PDB file of all heavy atoms in Angstrom:
ATOM      1  N   LEU A   1       0.824  -1.192   0.000  1.00  0.00           N
ATOM      2  CA  LEU A   1       0.000   0.000   0.000  1.00  0.00           C
ATOM      3  C   LEU A   1       0.863   1.248   0.000  1.00  0.00           C
ATOM      4  O   LEU A   1       0.557   2.237  -0.665  1.00  0.00           O
ATOM      5  CB  LEU A   1      -0.933  -0.002   1.220  1.00  0.00           C
ATOM      6  CG  LEU A   1      -1.950  -1.139   1.286  1.00  0.00           C
ATOM      7  CD1 LEU A   1      -2.758  -1.041   2.566  1.00  0.00           C
ATOM      8  CD2 LEU A   1      -2.867  -1.115   0.083  1.00  0.00           C
ATOM      9  N   PHE A   2       1.967   1.212   0.760  1.00  0.00           N
ATOM     10  CA  PHE A   2       2.869   2.354   0.787  1.00  0.00           C
ATOM     11  C   PHE A   2       3.481   2.576  -0.585  1.00  0.00           C
ATOM     12  O   PHE A   2       3.671   3.702  -1.022  1.00  0.00           O
ATOM     13  CB  PHE A   2       3.978   2.127   1.824  1.00  0.00           C
ATOM     14  CG  PHE A   2       3.594   2.571   3.204  1.00  0.00           C
ATOM     15  CD1 PHE A   2       2.641   1.888   3.929  1.00  0.00           C
ATOM     16  CD2 PHE A   2       4.154   3.696   3.767  1.00  0.00           C
ATOM     17  CE1 PHE A   2       2.276   2.283   5.193  1.00  0.00           C
ATOM     18  CE2 PHE A   2       3.791   4.120   5.037  1.00  0.00           C
ATOM     19  CZ  PHE A   2       2.851   3.415   5.754  1.00  0.00           C
ATOM     20  N   ALA A   3       3.797   1.491  -1.292  1.00  0.00           N
ATOM     21  CA  ALA A   3       4.368   1.619  -2.627  1.00  0.00           C
ATOM     22  C   ALA A   3       3.363   2.259  -3.577  1.00  0.00           C
ATOM     23  O   ALA A   3       3.723   3.077  -4.421  1.00  0.00           O
ATOM     24  CB  ALA A   3       4.794   0.247  -3.158  1.00  0.00           C
ATOM     25  N   ILE A   4       2.079   1.894  -3.433  1.00  0.00           N
ATOM     26  CA  ILE A   4       1.052   2.476  -4.279  1.00  0.00           C
ATOM     27  C   ILE A   4       0.937   3.976  -4.023  1.00  0.00           C
ATOM     28  O   ILE A   4       0.847   4.781  -4.949  1.00  0.00           O
ATOM     29  CB  ILE A   4      -0.299   1.789  -4.032  1.00  0.00           C
ATOM     30  CG1 ILE A   4      -0.241   0.322  -4.498  1.00  0.00           C
ATOM     31  CG2 ILE A   4      -1.436   2.528  -4.744  1.00  0.00           C
ATOM     32  CD1 ILE A   4      -1.451  -0.485  -4.120  1.00  0.00           C
ATOM     33  N   PHE A   5       0.952   4.378  -2.745  1.00  0.00           N
ATOM     34  CA  PHE A   5       0.896   5.794  -2.432  1.00  0.00           C
ATOM     35  C   PHE A   5       2.135   6.514  -2.945  1.00  0.00           C
ATOM     36  O   PHE A   5       2.077   7.655  -3.375  1.00  0.00           O
ATOM     37  CB  PHE A   5       0.775   6.011  -0.914  1.00  0.00           C
ATOM     38  CG  PHE A   5      -0.645   6.079  -0.437  1.00  0.00           C
ATOM     39  CD1 PHE A   5      -1.263   4.963   0.110  1.00  0.00           C
ATOM     40  CD2 PHE A   5      -1.374   7.240  -0.555  1.00  0.00           C
ATOM     41  CE1 PHE A   5      -2.575   5.021   0.543  1.00  0.00           C
ATOM     42  CE2 PHE A   5      -2.693   7.313  -0.116  1.00  0.00           C
ATOM     43  CZ  PHE A   5      -3.284   6.196   0.437  1.00  0.00           C
ATOM     44  N   ALA A   6       3.288   5.833  -2.905  1.00  0.00           N
ATOM     45  CA  ALA A   6       4.514   6.441  -3.394  1.00  0.00           C
ATOM     46  C   ALA A   6       4.435   6.716  -4.882  1.00  0.00           C
ATOM     47  O   ALA A   6       5.000   7.679  -5.384  1.00  0.00           O
ATOM     48  CB  ALA A   6       5.713   5.533  -3.107  1.00  0.00           C
ATOM     49  N   VAL A   7       3.719   5.848  -5.604  1.00  0.00           N
ATOM     50  CA  VAL A   7       3.519   6.081  -7.036  1.00  0.00           C
ATOM     51  C   VAL A   7       2.541   7.227  -7.229  1.00  0.00           C
ATOM     52  O   VAL A   7       2.713   8.078  -8.098  1.00  0.00           O
ATOM     53  CB  VAL A   7       2.981   4.813  -7.730  1.00  0.00           C
ATOM     54  CG1 VAL A   7       2.585   5.124  -9.163  1.00  0.00           C
ATOM     55  CG2 VAL A   7       4.033   3.720  -7.700  1.00  0.00           C
ATOM     56  N   ALA A   8       1.491   7.272  -6.391  1.00  0.00           N
ATOM     57  CA  ALA A   8       0.430   8.251  -6.589  1.00  0.00           C
ATOM     58  C   ALA A   8       0.857   9.673  -6.240  1.00  0.00           C
ATOM     59  O   ALA A   8       0.482  10.626  -6.928  1.00  0.00           O
ATOM     60  CB  ALA A   8      -0.799   7.877  -5.746  1.00  0.00           C
ATOM     61  N   LEU A   9       1.656   9.836  -5.183  1.00  0.00           N
ATOM     62  CA  LEU A   9       1.995  11.169  -4.730  1.00  0.00           C
ATOM     63  C   LEU A   9       2.749  11.991  -5.755  1.00  0.00           C
ATOM     64  O   LEU A   9       2.494  13.185  -5.908  1.00  0.00           O
ATOM     65  CB  LEU A   9       2.807  11.091  -3.419  1.00  0.00           C
ATOM     66  CG  LEU A   9       1.993  10.655  -2.199  1.00  0.00           C
ATOM     67  CD1 LEU A   9       2.901  10.500  -0.999  1.00  0.00           C
ATOM     68  CD2 LEU A   9       0.905  11.672  -1.900  1.00  0.00           C
ATOM     69  N   PRO A  10       3.728  11.415  -6.507  1.00  0.00           N
ATOM     70  CA  PRO A  10       4.430  12.235  -7.493  1.00  0.00           C
ATOM     71  C   PRO A  10       3.690  12.390  -8.814  1.00  0.00           C
ATOM     72  O   PRO A  10       4.176  13.081  -9.698  1.00  0.00           O
ATOM     73  CB  PRO A  10       5.742  11.470  -7.745  1.00  0.00           C
ATOM     74  CG  PRO A  10       5.714  10.244  -6.922  1.00  0.00           C
ATOM     75  CD  PRO A  10       4.344  10.094  -6.379  1.00  0.00           C
ATOM     76  N   VAL A  11       2.509  11.770  -8.959  1.00  0.00           N
ATOM     77  CA  VAL A  11       1.818  11.777 -10.246  1.00  0.00           C
ATOM     78  C   VAL A  11       1.599  13.184 -10.799  1.00  0.00           C
ATOM     79  O   VAL A  11       1.797  13.420 -11.981  1.00  0.00           O
ATOM     80  CB  VAL A  11       0.480  11.014 -10.149  1.00  0.00           C
ATOM     81  CG1 VAL A  11      -0.460  11.401 -11.268  1.00  0.00           C
ATOM     82  CG2 VAL A  11       0.761   9.521 -10.198  1.00  0.00           C
ATOM     83  N   PRO A  12       1.162  14.185  -9.952  1.00  0.00           N
ATOM     84  CA  PRO A  12       0.954  15.507 -10.525  1.00  0.00           C
ATOM     85  C   PRO A  12       2.176  16.055 -11.242  1.00  0.00           C
ATOM     86  O   PRO A  12       2.052  16.764 -12.229  1.00  0.00           O
ATOM     87  CB  PRO A  12       0.586  16.362  -9.300  1.00  0.00           C
ATOM     88  CG  PRO A  12      -0.028  15.398  -8.355  1.00  0.00           C
ATOM     89  CD  PRO A  12       0.758  14.123  -8.548  1.00  0.00           C
ATOM     90  N   ALA A  13       3.371  15.761 -10.741  1.00  0.00           N
ATOM     91  CA  ALA A  13       4.573  16.270 -11.383  1.00  0.00           C
ATOM     92  C   ALA A  13       4.908  15.494 -12.637  1.00  0.00           C
ATOM     93  O   ALA A  13       5.554  16.007 -13.549  1.00  0.00           O
ATOM     94  CB  ALA A  13       5.753  16.218 -10.408  1.00  0.00           C
ATOM     95  N   VAL A  14       4.494  14.210 -12.675  1.00  0.00           N
ATOM     96  CA  VAL A  14       4.795  13.396 -13.848  1.00  0.00           C
ATOM     97  C   VAL A  14       3.845  13.728 -14.992  1.00  0.00           C
ATOM     98  O   VAL A  14       4.210  13.707 -16.158  1.00  0.00           O
ATOM     99  CB  VAL A  14       4.695  11.901 -13.488  1.00  0.00           C
ATOM    100  CG1 VAL A  14       4.926  11.032 -14.716  1.00  0.00           C
ATOM    101  CG2 VAL A  14       5.727  11.562 -12.416  1.00  0.00           C
ATOM    102  N   LEU A  15       2.560  14.029 -14.640  1.00  0.00           N
ATOM    103  CA  LEU A  15       1.611  14.448 -15.663  1.00  0.00           C
ATOM    104  C   LEU A  15       1.875  15.909 -15.980  1.00  0.00           C
ATOM    105  O   LEU A  15       1.151  16.804 -15.580  1.00  0.00           O
ATOM    106  CB  LEU A  15       0.171  14.276 -15.159  1.00  0.00           C
ATOM    107  CG  LEU A  15      -0.257  12.862 -14.830  1.00  0.00           C
ATOM    108  CD1 LEU A  15      -1.677  12.878 -14.277  1.00  0.00           C
ATOM    109  CD2 LEU A  15      -0.180  11.977 -16.058  1.00  0.00           C
ATOM    110  N   ALA A  16       2.967  16.168 -16.700  1.00  0.00           N
ATOM    111  CA  ALA A  16       3.451  17.531 -16.826  1.00  0.00           C
ATOM    112  C   ALA A  16       3.461  18.008 -18.252  1.00  0.00           C
ATOM    113  O   ALA A  16       3.257  17.274 -19.192  1.00  0.00           O
ATOM    114  CB  ALA A  16       4.858  17.627 -16.230  1.00  0.00           C
ATOM    115  N   GLY A  17       3.738  19.296 -18.395  1.00  0.00           N
ATOM    116  CA  GLY A  17       3.877  19.884 -19.716  1.00  0.00           C
ATOM    117  C   GLY A  17       4.380  21.288 -19.576  1.00  0.00           C
ATOM    118  O   GLY A  17       4.441  21.836 -18.489  1.00  0.00           O
ATOM    119  N   CYS A  18       4.757  21.895 -20.678  1.00  0.00           N
ATOM    120  CA  CYS A  18       5.257  23.252 -20.615  1.00  0.00           C
ATOM    121  C   CYS A  18       4.413  24.130 -21.500  1.00  0.00           C
ATOM    122  O   CYS A  18       3.668  23.665 -22.351  1.00  0.00           O
ATOM    123  CB  CYS A  18       6.715  23.312 -21.060  1.00  0.00           C
ATOM    124  SG  CYS A  18       6.930  23.013 -22.822  1.00  0.00           S
ATOM    125  N   GLY A  19       4.543  25.448 -21.319  1.00  0.00           N
ATOM    126  CA  GLY A  19       3.811  26.380 -22.143  1.00  0.00           C
ATOM    127  C   GLY A  19       4.342  26.381 -23.561  1.00  0.00           C
ATOM    128  O   GLY A  19       5.472  26.025 -23.834  1.00  0.00           O
ATOM    129  N   GLY A  20       3.493  26.769 -24.485  1.00  0.00           N
ATOM    130  CA  GLY A  20       3.950  26.858 -25.863  1.00  0.00           C
ATOM    131  C   GLY A  20       2.892  26.376 -26.813  1.00  0.00           C
ATOM    132  O   GLY A  20       1.856  25.865 -26.437  1.00  0.00           O
ATOM    133  N   GLY A  21       3.147  26.510 -28.090  1.00  0.00           N
ATOM    134  CA  GLY A  21       2.227  25.987 -29.097  1.00  0.00           C
ATOM    135  C   GLY A  21       1.239  27.018 -29.558  1.00  0.00           C
ATOM    136  O   GLY A  21       0.229  27.263 -28.918  1.00  0.00           O
ATOM    137  N   ASP A  22       1.535  27.714 -30.687  1.00  0.00           N
ATOM    138  CA  ASP A  22       0.598  28.706 -31.167  1.00  0.00           C
ATOM    139  C   ASP A  22      -0.303  28.154 -32.263  1.00  0.00           C
ATOM    140  O   ASP A  22      -1.296  28.755 -32.605  1.00  0.00           O
ATOM    141  CB  ASP A  22       1.359  29.941 -31.677  1.00  0.00           C
ATOM    142  CG  ASP A  22       2.452  29.580 -32.665  1.00  0.00           C
ATOM    143  OD1 ASP A  22       2.600  28.377 -32.958  1.00  0.00           O
ATOM    144  OD2 ASP A  22       3.158  30.482 -33.112  1.00  0.00           O
ATOM    145  N   SER A  23       0.034  27.007 -32.809  1.00  0.00           N
ATOM    146  CA  SER A  23      -0.801  26.380 -33.828  1.00  0.00           C
ATOM    147  C   SER A  23      -0.721  24.881 -33.638  1.00  0.00           C
ATOM    148  O   SER A  23       0.215  24.233 -34.106  1.00  0.00           O
ATOM    149  CB  SER A  23      -0.332  26.785 -35.231  1.00  0.00           C
ATOM    150  OG  SER A  23      -1.122  26.157 -36.209  1.00  0.00           O
ATOM    151  N   GLY A  24      -1.723  24.322 -32.939  1.00  0.00           N
ATOM    152  CA  GLY A  24      -1.652  22.924 -32.544  1.00  0.00           C
ATOM    153  C   GLY A  24      -1.506  21.957 -33.686  1.00  0.00           C
ATOM    154  O   GLY A  24      -0.780  20.968 -33.592  1.00  0.00           O
ATOM    155  N   SER A  25      -2.174  22.215 -34.804  1.00  0.00           N
ATOM    156  CA  SER A  25      -2.159  21.258 -35.897  1.00  0.00           C
ATOM    157  C   SER A  25      -0.820  21.171 -36.603  1.00  0.00           C
ATOM    158  O   SER A  25      -0.566  20.205 -37.329  1.00  0.00           O
ATOM    159  CB  SER A  25      -3.250  21.613 -36.912  1.00  0.00           C
ATOM    160  OG  SER A  25      -3.030  22.908 -37.438  1.00  0.00           O
ATOM    161  N   SER A  26       0.055  22.157 -36.393  1.00  0.00           N
ATOM    162  CA  SER A  26       1.331  22.162 -37.098  1.00  0.00           C
ATOM    163  C   SER A  26       2.498  21.721 -36.221  1.00  0.00           C
ATOM    164  O   SER A  26       3.629  21.608 -36.703  1.00  0.00           O
ATOM    165  CB  SER A  26       1.622  23.562 -37.650  1.00  0.00           C
ATOM    166  OG  SER A  26       1.752  24.494 -36.585  1.00  0.00           O
ATOM    167  N   GLU A  27       2.250  21.476 -34.930  1.00  0.00           N
ATOM    168  CA  GLU A  27       3.336  21.097 -34.026  1.00  0.00           C
ATOM    169  C   GLU A  27       3.803  19.670 -34.300  1.00  0.00           C
ATOM    170  O   GLU A  27       3.007  18.780 -34.623  1.00  0.00           O
ATOM    171  CB  GLU A  27       2.893  21.232 -32.571  1.00  0.00           C
ATOM    172  CG  GLU A  27       2.707  22.671 -32.128  1.00  0.00           C
ATOM    173  CD  GLU A  27       2.694  22.801 -30.618  1.00  0.00           C
ATOM    174  OE1 GLU A  27       3.660  22.356 -29.979  1.00  0.00           O
ATOM    175  OE2 GLU A  27       1.707  23.336 -30.085  1.00  0.00           O
ATOM    176  N   ASP A  28       5.107  19.456 -34.149  1.00  0.00           N
ATOM    177  CA  ASP A  28       5.680  18.128 -34.340  1.00  0.00           C
ATOM    178  C   ASP A  28       5.134  17.181 -33.275  1.00  0.00           C
ATOM    179  O   ASP A  28       5.212  17.477 -32.071  1.00  0.00           O
ATOM    180  CB  ASP A  28       7.198  18.197 -34.235  1.00  0.00           C
ATOM    181  CG  ASP A  28       7.837  16.828 -34.326  1.00  0.00           C
ATOM    182  OD1 ASP A  28       7.796  16.230 -35.409  1.00  0.00           O
ATOM    183  OD2 ASP A  28       8.345  16.349 -33.286  1.00  0.00           O
ATOM    184  N   PRO A  29       4.569  16.027 -33.651  1.00  0.00           N
ATOM    185  CA  PRO A  29       3.928  15.133 -32.664  1.00  0.00           C
ATOM    186  C   PRO A  29       4.894  14.601 -31.608  1.00  0.00           C
ATOM    187  O   PRO A  29       4.521  14.480 -30.439  1.00  0.00           O
ATOM    188  CB  PRO A  29       3.348  14.008 -33.524  1.00  0.00           C
ATOM    189  CG  PRO A  29       4.075  14.088 -34.831  1.00  0.00           C
ATOM    190  CD  PRO A  29       4.410  15.527 -35.027  1.00  0.00           C
ATOM    191  N   GLN A  30       6.137  14.276 -31.996  1.00  0.00           N
ATOM    192  CA  GLN A  30       7.091  13.789 -31.012  1.00  0.00           C
ATOM    193  C   GLN A  30       7.437  14.878 -30.005  1.00  0.00           C
ATOM    194  O   GLN A  30       7.624  14.616 -28.819  1.00  0.00           O
ATOM    195  CB  GLN A  30       8.361  13.279 -31.699  1.00  0.00           C
ATOM    196  CG  GLN A  30       8.228  11.888 -32.316  1.00  0.00           C
ATOM    197  CD  GLN A  30       8.152  10.784 -31.262  1.00  0.00           C
ATOM    198  OE1 GLN A  30       8.062  11.045 -30.071  1.00  0.00           O
ATOM    199  NE2 GLN A  30       8.166   9.545 -31.715  1.00  0.00           N
ATOM    200  N   THR A  31       7.522  16.120 -30.465  1.00  0.00           N
ATOM    201  CA  THR A  31       7.801  17.227 -29.556  1.00  0.00           C
ATOM    202  C   THR A  31       6.664  17.410 -28.561  1.00  0.00           C
ATOM    203  O   THR A  31       6.892  17.637 -27.373  1.00  0.00           O
ATOM    204  CB  THR A  31       8.021  18.530 -30.351  1.00  0.00           C
ATOM    205  OG1 THR A  31       9.130  18.369 -31.239  1.00  0.00           O
ATOM    206  CG2 THR A  31       8.295  19.696 -29.420  1.00  0.00           C
ATOM    207  N   VAL A  32       5.429  17.291 -29.047  1.00  0.00           N
ATOM    208  CA  VAL A  32       4.272  17.417 -28.160  1.00  0.00           C
ATOM    209  C   VAL A  32       4.294  16.322 -27.098  1.00  0.00           C
ATOM    210  O   VAL A  32       4.070  16.581 -25.904  1.00  0.00           O
ATOM    211  CB  VAL A  32       2.959  17.357 -28.967  1.00  0.00           C
ATOM    212  CG1 VAL A  32       1.753  17.338 -28.013  1.00  0.00           C
ATOM    213  CG2 VAL A  32       2.858  18.542 -29.909  1.00  0.00           C
ATOM    214  N   LEU A  33       4.585  15.089 -27.509  1.00  0.00           N
ATOM    215  CA  LEU A  33       4.646  13.983 -26.550  1.00  0.00           C
ATOM    216  C   LEU A  33       5.738  14.226 -25.512  1.00  0.00           C
ATOM    217  O   LEU A  33       5.534  14.016 -24.311  1.00  0.00           O
ATOM    218  CB  LEU A  33       4.900  12.663 -27.281  1.00  0.00           C
ATOM    219  CG  LEU A  33       3.762  12.121 -28.148  1.00  0.00           C
ATOM    220  CD1 LEU A  33       4.210  10.878 -28.888  1.00  0.00           C
ATOM    221  CD2 LEU A  33       2.531  11.817 -27.304  1.00  0.00           C
ATOM    222  N   ASN A  34       6.897  14.662 -25.962  1.00  0.00           N
ATOM    223  CA  ASN A  34       8.018  14.885 -25.050  1.00  0.00           C
ATOM    224  C   ASN A  34       7.686  15.975 -24.034  1.00  0.00           C
ATOM    225  O   ASN A  34       7.940  15.830 -22.832  1.00  0.00           O
ATOM    226  CB  ASN A  34       9.264  15.270 -25.845  1.00  0.00           C
ATOM    227  CG  ASN A  34      10.462  15.487 -24.940  1.00  0.00           C
ATOM    228  OD1 ASN A  34      10.925  14.569 -24.275  1.00  0.00           O
ATOM    229  ND2 ASN A  34      10.941  16.717 -24.895  1.00  0.00           N
ATOM    230  N   GLU A  35       7.077  17.075 -24.512  1.00  0.00           N
ATOM    231  CA  GLU A  35       6.771  18.181 -23.608  1.00  0.00           C
ATOM    232  C   GLU A  35       5.586  17.860 -22.702  1.00  0.00           C
ATOM    233  O   GLU A  35       5.435  18.447 -21.634  1.00  0.00           O
ATOM    234  CB  GLU A  35       6.503  19.444 -24.417  1.00  0.00           C
ATOM    235  CG  GLU A  35       7.745  19.957 -25.147  1.00  0.00           C
ATOM    236  CD  GLU A  35       7.509  21.259 -25.877  1.00  0.00           C
ATOM    237  OE1 GLU A  35       6.333  21.666 -26.003  1.00  0.00           O
ATOM    238  OE2 GLU A  35       8.502  21.867 -26.323  1.00  0.00           O
ATOM    239  N   THR A  36       4.750  16.908 -23.102  1.00  0.00           N
ATOM    240  CA  THR A  36       3.618  16.518 -22.270  1.00  0.00           C
ATOM    241  C   THR A  36       4.052  15.630 -21.117  1.00  0.00           C
ATOM    242  O   THR A  36       3.584  15.772 -19.986  1.00  0.00           O
ATOM    243  CB  THR A  36       2.556  15.790 -23.116  1.00  0.00           C
ATOM    244  OG1 THR A  36       2.110  16.649 -24.160  1.00  0.00           O
ATOM    245  CG2 THR A  36       1.361  15.381 -22.270  1.00  0.00           C
ATOM    246  N   PHE A  37       4.972  14.693 -21.389  1.00  0.00           N
ATOM    247  CA  PHE A  37       5.354  13.716 -20.372  1.00  0.00           C
ATOM    248  C   PHE A  37       6.648  14.053 -19.632  1.00  0.00           C
ATOM    249  O   PHE A  37       6.994  13.345 -18.682  1.00  0.00           O
ATOM    250  CB  PHE A  37       5.494  12.328 -21.015  1.00  0.00           C
ATOM    251  CG  PHE A  37       4.185  11.739 -21.454  1.00  0.00           C
ATOM    252  CD1 PHE A  37       3.903  11.565 -22.800  1.00  0.00           C
ATOM    253  CD2 PHE A  37       3.232  11.374 -20.526  1.00  0.00           C
ATOM    254  CE1 PHE A  37       2.692  11.023 -23.210  1.00  0.00           C
ATOM    255  CE2 PHE A  37       2.021  10.836 -20.923  1.00  0.00           C
ATOM    256  CZ  PHE A  37       1.748  10.656 -22.270  1.00  0.00           C
ATOM    257  N   SER A  38       7.366  15.079 -20.051  1.00  0.00           N
ATOM    258  CA  SER A  38       8.682  15.335 -19.439  1.00  0.00           C
ATOM    259  C   SER A  38       8.914  16.828 -19.228  1.00  0.00           C
ATOM    260  O   SER A  38       9.807  17.418 -19.832  1.00  0.00           O
ATOM    261  CB  SER A  38       9.798  14.751 -20.315  1.00  0.00           C
ATOM    262  OG  SER A  38       9.607  13.379 -20.541  1.00  0.00           O
ATOM    263  N   ASN A  39       8.122  17.410 -18.354  1.00  0.00           N
ATOM    264  CA  ASN A  39       8.356  18.814 -18.056  1.00  0.00           C
ATOM    265  C   ASN A  39       8.007  19.136 -16.624  1.00  0.00           C
ATOM    266  O   ASN A  39       7.582  18.258 -15.870  1.00  0.00           O
ATOM    267  CB  ASN A  39       7.600  19.703 -19.047  1.00  0.00           C
ATOM    268  CG  ASN A  39       8.537  20.599 -19.848  1.00  0.00           C
ATOM    269  OD1 ASN A  39       9.105  21.525 -19.302  1.00  0.00           O
ATOM    270  ND2 ASN A  39       8.698  20.297 -21.115  1.00  0.00           N
ATOM    271  N   ASP A  40       8.163  20.393 -16.240  1.00  0.00           N
ATOM    272  CA  ASP A  40       8.141  20.721 -14.815  1.00  0.00           C
ATOM    273  C   ASP A  40       6.886  21.439 -14.338  1.00  0.00           C
ATOM    274  O   ASP A  40       6.835  21.869 -13.197  1.00  0.00           O
ATOM    275  CB  ASP A  40       9.366  21.580 -14.467  1.00  0.00           C
ATOM    276  CG  ASP A  40       9.443  22.865 -15.286  1.00  0.00           C
ATOM    277  OD1 ASP A  40       8.548  23.086 -16.116  1.00  0.00           O
ATOM    278  OD2 ASP A  40      10.401  23.628 -15.103  1.00  0.00           O
ATOM    279  N   GLN A  41       5.872  21.571 -15.157  1.00  0.00           N
ATOM    280  CA  GLN A  41       4.629  22.193 -14.711  1.00  0.00           C
ATOM    281  C   GLN A  41       3.695  21.109 -14.204  1.00  0.00           C
ATOM    282  O   GLN A  41       3.334  20.194 -14.946  1.00  0.00           O
ATOM    283  CB  GLN A  41       3.982  22.973 -15.861  1.00  0.00           C
ATOM    284  CG  GLN A  41       2.776  23.788 -15.415  1.00  0.00           C
ATOM    285  CD  GLN A  41       2.203  24.618 -16.560  1.00  0.00           C
ATOM    286  OE1 GLN A  41       2.861  24.797 -17.569  1.00  0.00           O
ATOM    287  NE2 GLN A  41       0.982  25.094 -16.386  1.00  0.00           N
ATOM    288  N   SER A  42       3.300  21.189 -12.960  1.00  0.00           N
ATOM    289  CA  SER A  42       2.560  20.094 -12.340  1.00  0.00           C
ATOM    290  C   SER A  42       1.054  20.293 -12.396  1.00  0.00           C
ATOM    291  O   SER A  42       0.543  21.396 -12.599  1.00  0.00           O
ATOM    292  CB  SER A  42       2.988  19.921 -10.878  1.00  0.00           C
ATOM    293  OG  SER A  42       2.629  21.072 -10.131  1.00  0.00           O
TER     294      SER A  42
END
């Protein structure tokens, strides 16, 4: 149970993304994925 809570507590930081993107349809898909899963906005 403690391990489950340990996974859950950092989730807000893992579900992250950064600001940016003025035209969604033209953004590179790999860049969008990278900035969605690997950034510091919680």
